Amino acid sequence: MLDVIGAGATASSDTDWHQIWLGSKEHEILLAEIEEIHSRGRNRPRAEATLHTEFANSWARQTLKLFRRDLIDKWRNPTYLMAKLTLNIIAGLFIG
């Protein structure tokens, strides 16, 4: 494949693949299909922005609850917390 596009050992190609693609029937079909997709999109009505919530709590309240739950988990497991703290200190000293 690299030899065909001119990136192989010889690093030369006598064929301009971009021009061949631009002149191909597949390129014309693809452009027509893209234009048809665009025209269908332009004919649709605009989407209305509505506020839709499917959860009982807001995102801020859920984030606070999860943050508090994570802090309680860390507080109840001091061995894990100290191991992480020690690892970060040693890694920081080693890298620095």
PDB file of N, CA and C in Angstrom:
ATOM      1  N   MET A   1       0.828  -1.191   0.000  1.00  0.00           N
ATOM      2  CA  MET A   1       0.000   0.000   0.000  1.00  0.00           C
ATOM      3  C   MET A   1       0.869   1.251   0.000  1.00  0.00           C
ATOM      4  N   LEU A   2       1.936   1.254   0.784  1.00  0.00           N
ATOM      5  CA  LEU A   2       2.812   2.418   0.824  1.00  0.00           C
ATOM      6  C   LEU A   2       3.493   2.661  -0.515  1.00  0.00           C
ATOM      7  N   ASP A   3       3.857   1.592  -1.206  1.00  0.00           N
ATOM      8  CA  ASP A   3       4.472   1.760  -2.524  1.00  0.00           C
ATOM      9  C   ASP A   3       3.486   2.359  -3.523  1.00  0.00           C
ATOM     10  N   VAL A   4       2.215   2.006  -3.399  1.00  0.00           N
ATOM     11  CA  VAL A   4       1.206   2.499  -4.330  1.00  0.00           C
ATOM     12  C   VAL A   4       1.008   4.007  -4.168  1.00  0.00           C
ATOM     13  N   ILE A   5       0.988   4.493  -2.925  1.00  0.00           N
ATOM     14  CA  ILE A   5       0.750   5.927  -2.709  1.00  0.00           C
ATOM     15  C   ILE A   5       2.029   6.744  -2.758  1.00  0.00           C
ATOM     16  N   GLY A   6       3.163   6.109  -2.891  1.00  0.00           N
ATOM     17  CA  GLY A   6       4.417   6.831  -3.030  1.00  0.00           C
ATOM     18  C   GLY A   6       5.134   7.082  -1.725  1.00  0.00           C
ATOM     19  N   ALA A   7       4.812   6.335  -0.684  1.00  0.00           N
ATOM     20  CA  ALA A   7       5.474   6.526   0.595  1.00  0.00           C
ATOM     21  C   ALA A   7       6.382   5.348   0.925  1.00  0.00           C
ATOM     22  N   GLY A   8       6.642   4.491  -0.036  1.00  0.00           N
ATOM     23  CA  GLY A   8       7.469   3.314   0.202  1.00  0.00           C
ATOM     24  C   GLY A   8       8.948   3.640   0.104  1.00  0.00           C
ATOM     25  N   ALA A   9       9.737   2.648  -0.264  1.00  0.00           N
ATOM     26  CA  ALA A   9      11.190   2.808  -0.332  1.00  0.00           C
ATOM     27  C   ALA A   9      11.597   3.800  -1.410  1.00  0.00           C
ATOM     28  N   THR A  10      10.830   3.859  -2.520  1.00  0.00           N
ATOM     29  CA  THR A  10      11.191   4.783  -3.597  1.00  0.00           C
ATOM     30  C   THR A  10      10.715   6.199  -3.322  1.00  0.00           C
ATOM     31  N   ALA A  11       9.714   6.364  -2.521  1.00  0.00           N
ATOM     32  CA  ALA A  11       9.143   7.664  -2.150  1.00  0.00           C
ATOM     33  C   ALA A  11       8.750   8.482  -3.367  1.00  0.00           C
ATOM     34  N   SER A  12       8.213   7.818  -4.361  1.00  0.00           N
ATOM     35  CA  SER A  12       7.734   8.540  -5.541  1.00  0.00           C
ATOM     36  C   SER A  12       6.518   7.815  -6.107  1.00  0.00           C
ATOM     37  N   SER A  13       5.622   8.602  -6.670  1.00  0.00           N
ATOM     38  CA  SER A  13       4.425   8.032  -7.284  1.00  0.00           C
ATOM     39  C   SER A  13       4.049   8.902  -8.471  1.00  0.00           C
ATOM     40  N   ASP A  14       3.661   8.290  -9.557  1.00  0.00           N
ATOM     41  CA  ASP A  14       3.281   9.059 -10.736  1.00  0.00           C
ATOM     42  C   ASP A  14       1.768   9.272 -10.809  1.00  0.00           C
ATOM     43  N   THR A  15       1.047   8.831  -9.790  1.00  0.00           N
ATOM     44  CA  THR A  15      -0.406   8.938  -9.779  1.00  0.00           C
ATOM     45  C   THR A  15      -0.844   9.897  -8.678  1.00  0.00           C
ATOM     46  N   ASP A  16      -1.701  10.859  -9.014  1.00  0.00           N
ATOM     47  CA  ASP A  16      -2.272  11.773  -8.033  1.00  0.00           C
ATOM     48  C   ASP A  16      -3.609  11.192  -7.578  1.00  0.00           C
ATOM     49  N   TRP A  17      -3.582  10.480  -6.457  1.00  0.00           N
ATOM     50  CA  TRP A  17      -4.761   9.758  -5.997  1.00  0.00           C
ATOM     51  C   TRP A  17      -5.893  10.694  -5.588  1.00  0.00           C
ATOM     52  N   HIS A  18      -5.547  11.874  -5.137  1.00  0.00           N
ATOM     53  CA  HIS A  18      -6.596  12.829  -4.773  1.00  0.00           C
ATOM     54  C   HIS A  18      -7.386  13.257  -6.004  1.00  0.00           C
ATOM     55  N   GLN A  19      -6.718  13.543  -7.105  1.00  0.00           N
ATOM     56  CA  GLN A  19      -7.406  13.930  -8.330  1.00  0.00           C
ATOM     57  C   GLN A  19      -8.230  12.766  -8.886  1.00  0.00           C
ATOM     58  N   ILE A  20      -7.726  11.560  -8.761  1.00  0.00           N
ATOM     59  CA  ILE A  20      -8.485  10.382  -9.212  1.00  0.00           C
ATOM     60  C   ILE A  20      -9.763  10.249  -8.393  1.00  0.00           C
ATOM     61  N   TRP A  21      -9.671  10.479  -7.066  1.00  0.00           N
ATOM     62  CA  TRP A  21     -10.851  10.398  -6.203  1.00  0.00           C
ATOM     63  C   TRP A  21     -11.850  11.495  -6.564  1.00  0.00           C
ATOM     64  N   LEU A  22     -11.354  12.717  -6.800  1.00  0.00           N
ATOM     65  CA  LEU A  22     -12.258  13.815  -7.139  1.00  0.00           C
ATOM     66  C   LEU A  22     -12.975  13.589  -8.466  1.00  0.00           C
ATOM     67  N   GLY A  23     -12.388  12.861  -9.369  1.00  0.00           N
ATOM     68  CA  GLY A  23     -13.006  12.590 -10.662  1.00  0.00           C
ATOM     69  C   GLY A  23     -13.802  11.301 -10.708  1.00  0.00           C
ATOM     70  N   SER A  24     -13.895  10.581  -9.610  1.00  0.00           N
ATOM     71  CA  SER A  24     -14.559   9.273  -9.630  1.00  0.00           C
ATOM     72  C   SER A  24     -16.064   9.396  -9.456  1.00  0.00           C
ATOM     73  N   LYS A  25     -16.762   8.363  -9.867  1.00  0.00           N
ATOM     74  CA  LYS A  25     -18.213   8.293  -9.726  1.00  0.00           C
ATOM     75  C   LYS A  25     -18.600   8.161  -8.245  1.00  0.00           C
ATOM     76  N   GLU A  26     -17.794   7.444  -7.461  1.00  0.00           N
ATOM     77  CA  GLU A  26     -18.071   7.269  -6.037  1.00  0.00           C
ATOM     78  C   GLU A  26     -18.055   8.610  -5.311  1.00  0.00           C
ATOM     79  N   HIS A  27     -17.154   9.497  -5.730  1.00  0.00           N
ATOM     80  CA  HIS A  27     -17.082  10.822  -5.113  1.00  0.00           C
ATOM     81  C   HIS A  27     -18.359  11.611  -5.392  1.00  0.00           C
ATOM     82  N   GLU A  28     -18.857  11.547  -6.620  1.00  0.00           N
ATOM     83  CA  GLU A  28     -20.097  12.234  -6.965  1.00  0.00           C
ATOM     84  C   GLU A  28     -21.280  11.672  -6.191  1.00  0.00           C
ATOM     85  N   ILE A  29     -21.336  10.348  -6.055  1.00  0.00           N
ATOM     86  CA  ILE A  29     -22.420   9.714  -5.293  1.00  0.00           C
ATOM     87  C   ILE A  29     -22.351  10.139  -3.833  1.00  0.00           C
ATOM     88  N   LEU A  30     -21.161  10.173  -3.269  1.00  0.00           N
ATOM     89  CA  LEU A  30     -20.983  10.565  -1.875  1.00  0.00           C
ATOM     90  C   LEU A  30     -21.399  12.018  -1.660  1.00  0.00           C
ATOM     91  N   LEU A  31     -21.008  12.917  -2.557  1.00  0.00           N
ATOM     92  CA  LEU A  31     -21.400  14.319  -2.427  1.00  0.00           C
ATOM     93  C   LEU A  31     -22.911  14.490  -2.518  1.00  0.00           C
ATOM     94  N   ALA A  32     -23.539  13.741  -3.426  1.00  0.00           N
ATOM     95  CA  ALA A  32     -24.998  13.810  -3.556  1.00  0.00           C
ATOM     96  C   ALA A  32     -25.677  13.301  -2.287  1.00  0.00           C
ATOM     97  N   GLU A  33     -25.147  12.241  -1.720  1.00  0.00           N
ATOM     98  CA  GLU A  33     -25.721  11.693  -0.491  1.00  0.00           C
ATOM     99  C   GLU A  33     -25.568  12.677   0.672  1.00  0.00           C
ATOM    100  N   ILE A  34     -24.413  13.314   0.777  1.00  0.00           N
ATOM    101  CA  ILE A  34     -24.199  14.301   1.836  1.00  0.00           C
ATOM    102  C   ILE A  34     -25.134  15.490   1.661  1.00  0.00           C
ATOM    103  N   GLU A  35     -25.300  15.952   0.440  1.00  0.00           N
ATOM    104  CA  GLU A  35     -26.211  17.071   0.185  1.00  0.00           C
ATOM    105  C   GLU A  35     -27.650  16.692   0.498  1.00  0.00           C
ATOM    106  N   GLU A  36     -28.026  15.455   0.208  1.00  0.00           N
ATOM    107  CA  GLU A  36     -29.380  14.989   0.521  1.00  0.00           C
ATOM    108  C   GLU A  36     -29.596  14.941   2.029  1.00  0.00           C
ATOM    109  N   ILE A  37     -28.592  14.507   2.788  1.00  0.00           N
ATOM    110  CA  ILE A  37     -28.686  14.488   4.253  1.00  0.00           C
ATOM    111  C   ILE A  37     -28.816  15.913   4.789  1.00  0.00           C
ATOM    112  N   HIS A  38     -28.056  16.838   4.224  1.00  0.00           N
ATOM    113  CA  HIS A  38     -28.147  18.236   4.655  1.00  0.00           C
ATOM    114  C   HIS A  38     -29.512  18.831   4.342  1.00  0.00           C
ATOM    115  N   SER A  39     -30.047  18.537   3.166  1.00  0.00           N
ATOM    116  CA  SER A  39     -31.357  19.101   2.800  1.00  0.00           C
ATOM    117  C   SER A  39     -32.460  18.532   3.685  1.00  0.00           C
ATOM    118  N   ARG A  40     -32.391  17.254   4.025  1.00  0.00           N
ATOM    119  CA  ARG A  40     -33.375  16.684   4.951  1.00  0.00           C
ATOM    120  C   ARG A  40     -33.289  17.361   6.308  1.00  0.00           C
ATOM    121  N   GLY A  41     -32.065  17.644   6.761  1.00  0.00           N
ATOM    122  CA  GLY A  41     -31.899  18.312   8.047  1.00  0.00           C
ATOM    123  C   GLY A  41     -32.415  19.733   8.034  1.00  0.00           C
ATOM    124  N   ARG A  42     -32.241  20.433   6.907  1.00  0.00           N
ATOM    125  CA  ARG A  42     -32.732  21.809   6.808  1.00  0.00           C
ATOM    126  C   ARG A  42     -34.254  21.868   6.754  1.00  0.00           C
ATOM    127  N   ASN A  43     -34.902  20.819   6.254  1.00  0.00           N
ATOM    128  CA  ASN A  43     -36.362  20.804   6.141  1.00  0.00           C
ATOM    129  C   ASN A  43     -37.048  20.447   7.451  1.00  0.00           C
ATOM    130  N   ARG A  44     -36.334  19.934   8.397  1.00  0.00           N
ATOM    131  CA  ARG A  44     -36.939  19.586   9.684  1.00  0.00           C
ATOM    132  C   ARG A  44     -37.153  20.839  10.515  1.00  0.00           C
ATOM    133  N   PRO A  45     -38.157  20.804  11.396  1.00  0.00           N
ATOM    134  CA  PRO A  45     -38.358  21.964  12.280  1.00  0.00           C
ATOM    135  C   PRO A  45     -37.233  22.040  13.318  1.00  0.00           C
ATOM    136  N   ARG A  46     -37.025  23.243  13.817  1.00  0.00           N
ATOM    137  CA  ARG A  46     -35.982  23.425  14.823  1.00  0.00           C
ATOM    138  C   ARG A  46     -36.331  22.679  16.100  1.00  0.00           C
ATOM    139  N   ALA A  47     -35.329  22.177  16.762  1.00  0.00           N
ATOM    140  CA  ALA A  47     -35.533  21.478  18.021  1.00  0.00           C
ATOM    141  C   ALA A  47     -35.726  22.504  19.136  1.00  0.00           C
ATOM    142  N   GLU A  48     -36.701  22.269  19.955  1.00  0.00           N
ATOM    143  CA  GLU A  48     -36.974  23.169  21.067  1.00  0.00           C
ATOM    144  C   GLU A  48     -36.195  22.698  22.297  1.00  0.00           C
ATOM    145  N   ALA A  49     -35.579  23.636  22.963  1.00  0.00           N
ATOM    146  CA  ALA A  49     -34.818  23.318  24.175  1.00  0.00           C
ATOM    147  C   ALA A  49     -35.781  23.286  25.355  1.00  0.00           C
ATOM    148  N   THR A  50     -35.867  22.138  25.979  1.00  0.00           N
ATOM    149  CA  THR A  50     -36.729  22.008  27.149  1.00  0.00           C
ATOM    150  C   THR A  50     -35.914  21.450  28.297  1.00  0.00           C
ATOM    151  N   LEU A  51     -36.291  21.835  29.477  1.00  0.00           N
ATOM    152  CA  LEU A  51     -35.625  21.329  30.675  1.00  0.00           C
ATOM    153  C   LEU A  51     -36.310  20.032  31.066  1.00  0.00           C
ATOM    154  N   HIS A  52     -35.593  18.955  30.975  1.00  0.00           N
ATOM    155  CA  HIS A  52     -36.160  17.647  31.270  1.00  0.00           C
ATOM    156  C   HIS A  52     -35.292  16.972  32.320  1.00  0.00           C
ATOM    157  N   THR A  53     -35.874  16.689  33.442  1.00  0.00           N
ATOM    158  CA  THR A  53     -35.127  15.998  34.487  1.00  0.00           C
ATOM    159  C   THR A  53     -35.781  14.646  34.722  1.00  0.00           C
ATOM    160  N   GLU A  54     -34.963  13.628  34.752  1.00  0.00           N
ATOM    161  CA  GLU A  54     -35.486  12.292  34.995  1.00  0.00           C
ATOM    162  C   GLU A  54     -35.020  11.724  36.330  1.00  0.00           C
ATOM    163  N   PHE A  55     -34.361  12.557  37.128  1.00  0.00           N
ATOM    164  CA  PHE A  55     -33.867  12.124  38.430  1.00  0.00           C
ATOM    165  C   PHE A  55     -34.569  12.907  39.523  1.00  0.00           C
ATOM    166  N   ALA A  56     -34.615  12.314  40.711  1.00  0.00           N
ATOM    167  CA  ALA A  56     -35.307  12.951  41.825  1.00  0.00           C
ATOM    168  C   ALA A  56     -34.519  14.148  42.366  1.00  0.00           C
ATOM    169  N   ASN A  57     -33.192  14.094  42.282  1.00  0.00           N
ATOM    170  CA  ASN A  57     -32.347  15.171  42.798  1.00  0.00           C
ATOM    171  C   ASN A  57     -31.623  15.861  41.658  1.00  0.00           C
ATOM    172  N   SER A  58     -31.191  17.091  41.918  1.00  0.00           N
ATOM    173  CA  SER A  58     -30.429  17.829  40.921  1.00  0.00           C
ATOM    174  C   SER A  58     -29.015  17.268  40.835  1.00  0.00           C
ATOM    175  N   TRP A  59     -28.308  17.669  39.775  1.00  0.00           N
ATOM    176  CA  TRP A  59     -26.933  17.199  39.590  1.00  0.00           C
ATOM    177  C   TRP A  59     -26.041  17.680  40.729  1.00  0.00           C
ATOM    178  N   ALA A  60     -26.248  18.899  41.183  1.00  0.00           N
ATOM    179  CA  ALA A  60     -25.428  19.439  42.268  1.00  0.00           C
ATOM    180  C   ALA A  60     -25.632  18.632  43.552  1.00  0.00           C
ATOM    181  N   ARG A  61     -26.887  18.312  43.862  1.00  0.00           N
ATOM    182  CA  ARG A  61     -27.159  17.533  45.079  1.00  0.00           C
ATOM    183  C   ARG A  61     -26.575  16.120  44.974  1.00  0.00           C
ATOM    184  N   GLN A  62     -26.697  15.508  43.800  1.00  0.00           N
ATOM    185  CA  GLN A  62     -26.115  14.174  43.616  1.00  0.00           C
ATOM    186  C   GLN A  62     -24.595  14.212  43.756  1.00  0.00           C
ATOM    187  N   THR A  63     -23.968  15.262  43.203  1.00  0.00           N
ATOM    188  CA  THR A  63     -22.516  15.388  43.307  1.00  0.00           C
ATOM    189  C   THR A  63     -22.091  15.547  44.756  1.00  0.00           C
ATOM    190  N   LEU A  64     -22.812  16.381  45.509  1.00  0.00           N
ATOM    191  CA  LEU A  64     -22.480  16.558  46.924  1.00  0.00           C
ATOM    192  C   LEU A  64     -22.652  15.255  47.709  1.00  0.00           C
ATOM    193  N   LYS A  65     -23.727  14.538  47.422  1.00  0.00           N
ATOM    194  CA  LYS A  65     -23.950  13.257  48.113  1.00  0.00           C
ATOM    195  C   LYS A  65     -22.822  12.265  47.810  1.00  0.00           C
ATOM    196  N   LEU A  66     -22.420  12.170  46.544  1.00  0.00           N
ATOM    197  CA  LEU A  66     -21.354  11.242  46.177  1.00  0.00           C
ATOM    198  C   LEU A  66     -20.017  11.664  46.774  1.00  0.00           C
ATOM    199  N   PHE A  67     -19.752  12.968  46.807  1.00  0.00           N
ATOM    200  CA  PHE A  67     -18.520  13.476  47.413  1.00  0.00           C
ATOM    201  C   PHE A  67     -18.481  13.147  48.896  1.00  0.00           C
ATOM    202  N   ARG A  68     -19.613  13.353  49.591  1.00  0.00           N
ATOM    203  CA  ARG A  68     -19.684  13.039  51.024  1.00  0.00           C
ATOM    204  C   ARG A  68     -19.501  11.535  51.257  1.00  0.00           C
ATOM    205  N   ARG A  69     -20.126  10.714  50.422  1.00  0.00           N
ATOM    206  CA  ARG A  69     -19.993   9.268  50.553  1.00  0.00           C
ATOM    207  C   ARG A  69     -18.542   8.830  50.352  1.00  0.00           C
ATOM    208  N   ASP A  70     -17.854   9.451  49.394  1.00  0.00           N
ATOM    209  CA  ASP A  70     -16.458   9.123  49.152  1.00  0.00           C
ATOM    210  C   ASP A  70     -15.581   9.542  50.325  1.00  0.00           C
ATOM    211  N   LEU A  71     -15.852  10.725  50.894  1.00  0.00           N
ATOM    212  CA  LEU A  71     -15.074  11.169  52.061  1.00  0.00           C
ATOM    213  C   LEU A  71     -15.279  10.241  53.257  1.00  0.00           C
ATOM    214  N   ILE A  72     -16.513   9.786  53.466  1.00  0.00           N
ATOM    215  CA  ILE A  72     -16.781   8.848  54.567  1.00  0.00           C
ATOM    216  C   ILE A  72     -16.043   7.541  54.329  1.00  0.00           C
ATOM    217  N   ASP A  73     -16.018   7.062  53.095  1.00  0.00           N
ATOM    218  CA  ASP A  73     -15.295   5.833  52.768  1.00  0.00           C
ATOM    219  C   ASP A  73     -13.807   5.979  53.066  1.00  0.00           C
ATOM    220  N   LYS A  74     -13.241   7.124  52.679  1.00  0.00           N
ATOM    221  CA  LYS A  74     -11.810   7.348  52.953  1.00  0.00           C
ATOM    222  C   LYS A  74     -11.545   7.458  54.453  1.00  0.00           C
ATOM    223  N   TRP A  75     -12.458   8.098  55.187  1.00  0.00           N
ATOM    224  CA  TRP A  75     -12.292   8.265  56.638  1.00  0.00           C
ATOM    225  C   TRP A  75     -12.337   6.914  57.357  1.00  0.00           C
ATOM    226  N   ARG A  76     -13.157   6.011  56.864  1.00  0.00           N
ATOM    227  CA  ARG A  76     -13.296   4.703  57.504  1.00  0.00           C
ATOM    228  C   ARG A  76     -12.177   3.745  57.132  1.00  0.00           C
ATOM    229  N   ASN A  77     -11.353   4.090  56.174  1.00  0.00           N
ATOM    230  CA  ASN A  77     -10.274   3.215  55.742  1.00  0.00           C
ATOM    231  C   ASN A  77      -8.959   3.995  55.751  1.00  0.00           C
ATOM    232  N   PRO A  78      -8.400   4.265  56.945  1.00  0.00           N
ATOM    233  CA  PRO A  78      -7.200   5.092  57.029  1.00  0.00           C
ATOM    234  C   PRO A  78      -5.962   4.409  56.438  1.00  0.00           C
ATOM    235  N   THR A  79      -5.922   3.089  56.419  1.00  0.00           N
ATOM    236  CA  THR A  79      -4.777   2.398  55.857  1.00  0.00           C
ATOM    237  C   THR A  79      -4.634   2.713  54.370  1.00  0.00           C
ATOM    238  N   TYR A  80      -5.730   2.681  53.660  1.00  0.00           N
ATOM    239  CA  TYR A  80      -5.715   3.011  52.236  1.00  0.00           C
ATOM    240  C   TYR A  80      -5.283   4.454  52.028  1.00  0.00           C
ATOM    241  N   LEU A  81      -5.832   5.343  52.842  1.00  0.00           N
ATOM    242  CA  LEU A  81      -5.517   6.762  52.713  1.00  0.00           C
ATOM    243  C   LEU A  81      -4.041   7.030  52.984  1.00  0.00           C
ATOM    244  N   MET A  82      -3.486   6.419  54.014  1.00  0.00           N
ATOM    245  CA  MET A  82      -2.077   6.628  54.339  1.00  0.00           C
ATOM    246  C   MET A  82      -1.176   6.004  53.268  1.00  0.00           C
ATOM    247  N   ALA A  83      -1.567   4.861  52.724  1.00  0.00           N
ATOM    248  CA  ALA A  83      -0.779   4.247  51.666  1.00  0.00           C
ATOM    249  C   ALA A  83      -0.750   5.147  50.430  1.00  0.00           C
ATOM    250  N   LYS A  84      -1.893   5.726  50.069  1.00  0.00           N
ATOM    251  CA  LYS A  84      -1.930   6.631  48.927  1.00  0.00           C
ATOM    252  C   LYS A  84      -1.114   7.888  49.195  1.00  0.00           C
ATOM    253  N   LEU A  85      -1.222   8.433  50.384  1.00  0.00           N
ATOM    254  CA  LEU A  85      -0.467   9.626  50.747  1.00  0.00           C
ATOM    255  C   LEU A  85       1.026   9.354  50.696  1.00  0.00           C
ATOM    256  N   THR A  86       1.446   8.230  51.257  1.00  0.00           N
ATOM    257  CA  THR A  86       2.861   7.861  51.244  1.00  0.00           C
ATOM    258  C   THR A  86       3.352   7.634  49.821  1.00  0.00           C
ATOM    259  N   LEU A  87       2.563   6.946  49.023  1.00  0.00           N
ATOM    260  CA  LEU A  87       2.943   6.696  47.629  1.00  0.00           C
ATOM    261  C   LEU A  87       3.123   7.996  46.872  1.00  0.00           C
ATOM    262  N   ASN A  88       2.223   8.942  47.057  1.00  0.00           N
ATOM    263  CA  ASN A  88       2.330  10.220  46.355  1.00  0.00           C
ATOM    264  C   ASN A  88       3.526  11.035  46.832  1.00  0.00           C
ATOM    265  N   ILE A  89       3.816  10.996  48.119  1.00  0.00           N
ATOM    266  CA  ILE A  89       4.983  11.729  48.634  1.00  0.00           C
ATOM    267  C   ILE A  89       6.273  11.122  48.091  1.00  0.00           C
ATOM    268  N   ILE A  90       6.377   9.794  48.149  1.00  0.00           N
ATOM    269  CA  ILE A  90       7.594   9.125  47.664  1.00  0.00           C
ATOM    270  C   ILE A  90       7.750   9.326  46.151  1.00  0.00           C
ATOM    271  N   ALA A  91       6.655   9.192  45.422  1.00  0.00           N
ATOM    272  CA  ALA A  91       6.719   9.400  43.968  1.00  0.00           C
ATOM    273  C   ALA A  91       7.108  10.835  43.639  1.00  0.00           C
ATOM    274  N   GLY A  92       6.573  11.793  44.377  1.00  0.00           N
ATOM    275  CA  GLY A  92       6.913  13.179  44.148  1.00  0.00           C
ATOM    276  C   GLY A  92       8.368  13.472  44.437  1.00  0.00           C
ATOM    277  N   LEU A  93       8.896  12.894  45.511  1.00  0.00           N
ATOM    278  CA  LEU A  93      10.304  13.087  45.836  1.00  0.00           C
ATOM    279  C   LEU A  93      11.205  12.402  44.810  1.00  0.00           C
ATOM    280  N   PHE A  94      10.795  11.213  44.370  1.00  0.00           N
ATOM    281  CA  PHE A  94      11.609  10.473  43.401  1.00  0.00           C
ATOM    282  C   PHE A  94      11.626  11.192  42.051  1.00  0.00           C
ATOM    283  N   ILE A  95      10.464  11.637  41.597  1.00  0.00           N
ATOM    284  CA  ILE A  95      10.383  12.309  40.307  1.00  0.00           C
ATOM    285  C   ILE A  95      11.045  13.686  40.363  1.00  0.00           C
ATOM    286  N   GLY A  96      10.829  14.366  41.487  1.00  0.00           N
ATOM    287  CA  GLY A  96      11.393  15.718  41.621  1.00  0.00           C
ATOM    288  C   GLY A  96      12.859  15.686  41.837  1.00  0.00           C
TER     289      GLY A  96
END
